[in-house]
C-alpha cells in the first residue's frame, strides 16, 4: 500500500477531493475535523485496512502524514 493510496482512502472516508488532502494537512485546522470526527475516521480506516489503533497512538496524530505513517507501520505488523 502506497502513501498515495492511503491518502486517497482518507479523502474518500472524509468525502473530500484527494487534492484537498496531503501529508501536511492538519486533521483539525486544515480539514476541520473535531475529536468525534477524528475518532470516526480512525474507526473507518481501522475497518478498511483491517488494523487496530491503540488509543495512545491516536493521541499523537495531528496531520495526515502522521496518520499515513501510523497506518503504514500497522500494515507491516
C-alpha atoms as a PDB file:
ATOM      1  CA  UNK A   1       0.000   0.000   0.000  1.00  0.00           C
ATOM      2  CA  UNK A   2       1.471   3.343  -1.038  1.00  0.00           C
ATOM      3  CA  UNK A   3       1.141   6.703   0.686  1.00  0.00           C
ATOM      4  CA  UNK A   4      -0.939   7.889  -2.244  1.00  0.00           C
ATOM      5  CA  UNK A   5      -3.394   5.005  -1.803  1.00  0.00           C
ATOM      6  CA  UNK A   6      -3.701   5.734   1.918  1.00  0.00           C
ATOM      7  CA  UNK A   7      -4.276   9.442   1.259  1.00  0.00           C
ATOM      8  CA  UNK A   8      -6.928   8.523  -1.321  1.00  0.00           C
ATOM      9  CA  UNK A   9      -8.630   6.297   1.268  1.00  0.00           C
ATOM     10  CA  UNK A  10      -8.566   9.112   3.843  1.00  0.00           C
ATOM     11  CA  UNK A  11     -10.024  11.573   1.323  1.00  0.00           C
ATOM     12  CA  UNK A  12     -12.717   9.084   0.391  1.00  0.00           C
ATOM     13  CA  UNK A  13     -13.640   8.463   4.028  1.00  0.00           C
ATOM     14  CA  UNK A  14     -13.899  12.229   4.576  1.00  0.00           C
ATOM     15  CA  UNK A  15     -15.755  12.737   1.268  1.00  0.00           C
ATOM     16  CA  UNK A  16     -13.147  15.279   0.229  1.00  0.00           C
ATOM     17  CA  UNK A  17     -11.374  15.674  -3.099  1.00  0.00           C
ATOM     18  CA  UNK A  18      -7.993  13.964  -2.880  1.00  0.00           C
ATOM     19  CA  UNK A  19      -6.430  17.277  -3.957  1.00  0.00           C
ATOM     20  CA  UNK A  20      -7.576  18.757  -0.610  1.00  0.00           C
ATOM     21  CA  UNK A  21      -5.655  16.145   1.392  1.00  0.00           C
ATOM     22  CA  UNK A  22      -1.866  15.967   1.595  1.00  0.00           C
ATOM     23  CA  UNK A  23       0.715  14.783   4.100  1.00  0.00           C
ATOM     24  CA  UNK A  24       0.970  18.226   5.696  1.00  0.00           C
ATOM     25  CA  UNK A  25      -2.795  18.643   6.185  1.00  0.00           C
ATOM     26  CA  UNK A  26      -3.669  19.101   9.845  1.00  0.00           C
ATOM     27  CA  UNK A  27      -6.687  16.974  10.727  1.00  0.00           C
ATOM     28  CA  UNK A  28      -8.266  19.725  12.844  1.00  0.00           C
ATOM     29  CA  UNK A  29      -7.006  23.002  11.417  1.00  0.00           C
ATOM     30  CA  UNK A  30      -6.870  22.193   7.697  1.00  0.00           C
ATOM     31  CA  UNK A  31      -9.539  19.518   7.354  1.00  0.00           C
ATOM     32  CA  UNK A  32     -11.835  20.919  10.049  1.00  0.00           C
ATOM     33  CA  UNK A  33     -12.301  17.671  11.959  1.00  0.00           C
ATOM     34  CA  UNK A  34     -13.366  17.691  15.590  1.00  0.00           C
ATOM     35  CA  UNK A  35     -12.449  14.932  18.059  1.00  0.00           C
ATOM     36  CA  UNK A  36     -15.528  12.847  17.289  1.00  0.00           C
ATOM     37  CA  UNK A  37     -14.922  13.068  13.535  1.00  0.00           C
ATOM     38  CA  UNK A  38     -11.285  12.097  14.012  1.00  0.00           C
ATOM     39  CA  UNK A  39     -12.359   9.092  16.101  1.00  0.00           C
ATOM     40  CA  UNK A  40     -14.855   8.137  13.375  1.00  0.00           C
ATOM     41  CA  UNK A  41     -12.093   8.424  10.773  1.00  0.00           C
ATOM     42  CA  UNK A  42      -9.862   6.095  12.792  1.00  0.00           C
ATOM     43  CA  UNK A  43     -12.722   3.597  13.124  1.00  0.00           C
ATOM     44  CA  UNK A  44     -13.416   3.658   9.383  1.00  0.00           C
ATOM     45  CA  UNK A  45      -9.751   3.308   8.461  1.00  0.00           C
ATOM     46  CA  UNK A  46      -9.304   0.521  11.003  1.00  0.00           C
ATOM     47  CA  UNK A  47     -12.049  -1.466   9.296  1.00  0.00           C
ATOM     48  CA  UNK A  48     -10.895  -0.573   5.795  1.00  0.00           C
ATOM     49  CA  UNK A  49      -7.287  -1.661   6.355  1.00  0.00           C
ATOM     50  CA  UNK A  50      -8.050  -4.406   8.916  1.00  0.00           C
ATOM     51  CA  UNK A  51      -5.783  -2.861  11.546  1.00  0.00           C
ATOM     52  CA  UNK A  52      -6.193  -1.905  15.186  1.00  0.00           C
ATOM     53  CA  UNK A  53      -5.225   1.505  16.508  1.00  0.00           C
ATOM     54  CA  UNK A  54      -4.050   1.849  20.084  1.00  0.00           C
ATOM     55  CA  UNK A  55      -5.812   4.851  21.678  1.00  0.00           C
ATOM     56  CA  UNK A  56      -2.448   6.117  22.973  1.00  0.00           C
ATOM     57  CA  UNK A  57      -1.065   6.174  19.428  1.00  0.00           C
ATOM     58  CA  UNK A  58      -4.070   8.110  18.199  1.00  0.00           C
ATOM     59  CA  UNK A  59      -3.397  10.943  20.664  1.00  0.00           C
ATOM     60  CA  UNK A  60      -0.169  11.865  18.841  1.00  0.00           C
ATOM     61  CA  UNK A  61      -1.728  12.064  15.378  1.00  0.00           C
ATOM     62  CA  UNK A  62      -2.091  15.647  14.178  1.00  0.00           C
ATOM     63  CA  UNK A  63      -1.513  15.540  10.431  1.00  0.00           C
ATOM     64  CA  UNK A  64      -2.431  13.292   7.535  1.00  0.00           C
ATOM     65  CA  UNK A  65       1.284  12.429   7.326  1.00  0.00           C
ATOM     66  CA  UNK A  66       1.243  11.226  10.939  1.00  0.00           C
ATOM     67  CA  UNK A  67      -1.794   9.091  10.168  1.00  0.00           C
ATOM     68  CA  UNK A  68      -0.260   7.688   6.972  1.00  0.00           C
ATOM     69  CA  UNK A  69       2.922   6.742   8.868  1.00  0.00           C
ATOM     70  CA  UNK A  70       0.892   5.004  11.568  1.00  0.00           C
ATOM     71  CA  UNK A  71      -1.169   3.071   9.023  1.00  0.00           C
ATOM     72  CA  UNK A  72       1.985   2.010   7.156  1.00  0.00           C
ATOM     73  CA  UNK A  73       3.517   0.789  10.423  1.00  0.00           C
ATOM     74  CA  UNK A  74       0.348  -1.111  11.324  1.00  0.00           C
ATOM     75  CA  UNK A  75       0.212  -2.762   7.900  1.00  0.00           C
ATOM     76  CA  UNK A  76       3.757  -4.057   8.418  1.00  0.00           C
ATOM     77  CA  UNK A  77       2.951  -5.685  11.769  1.00  0.00           C
END
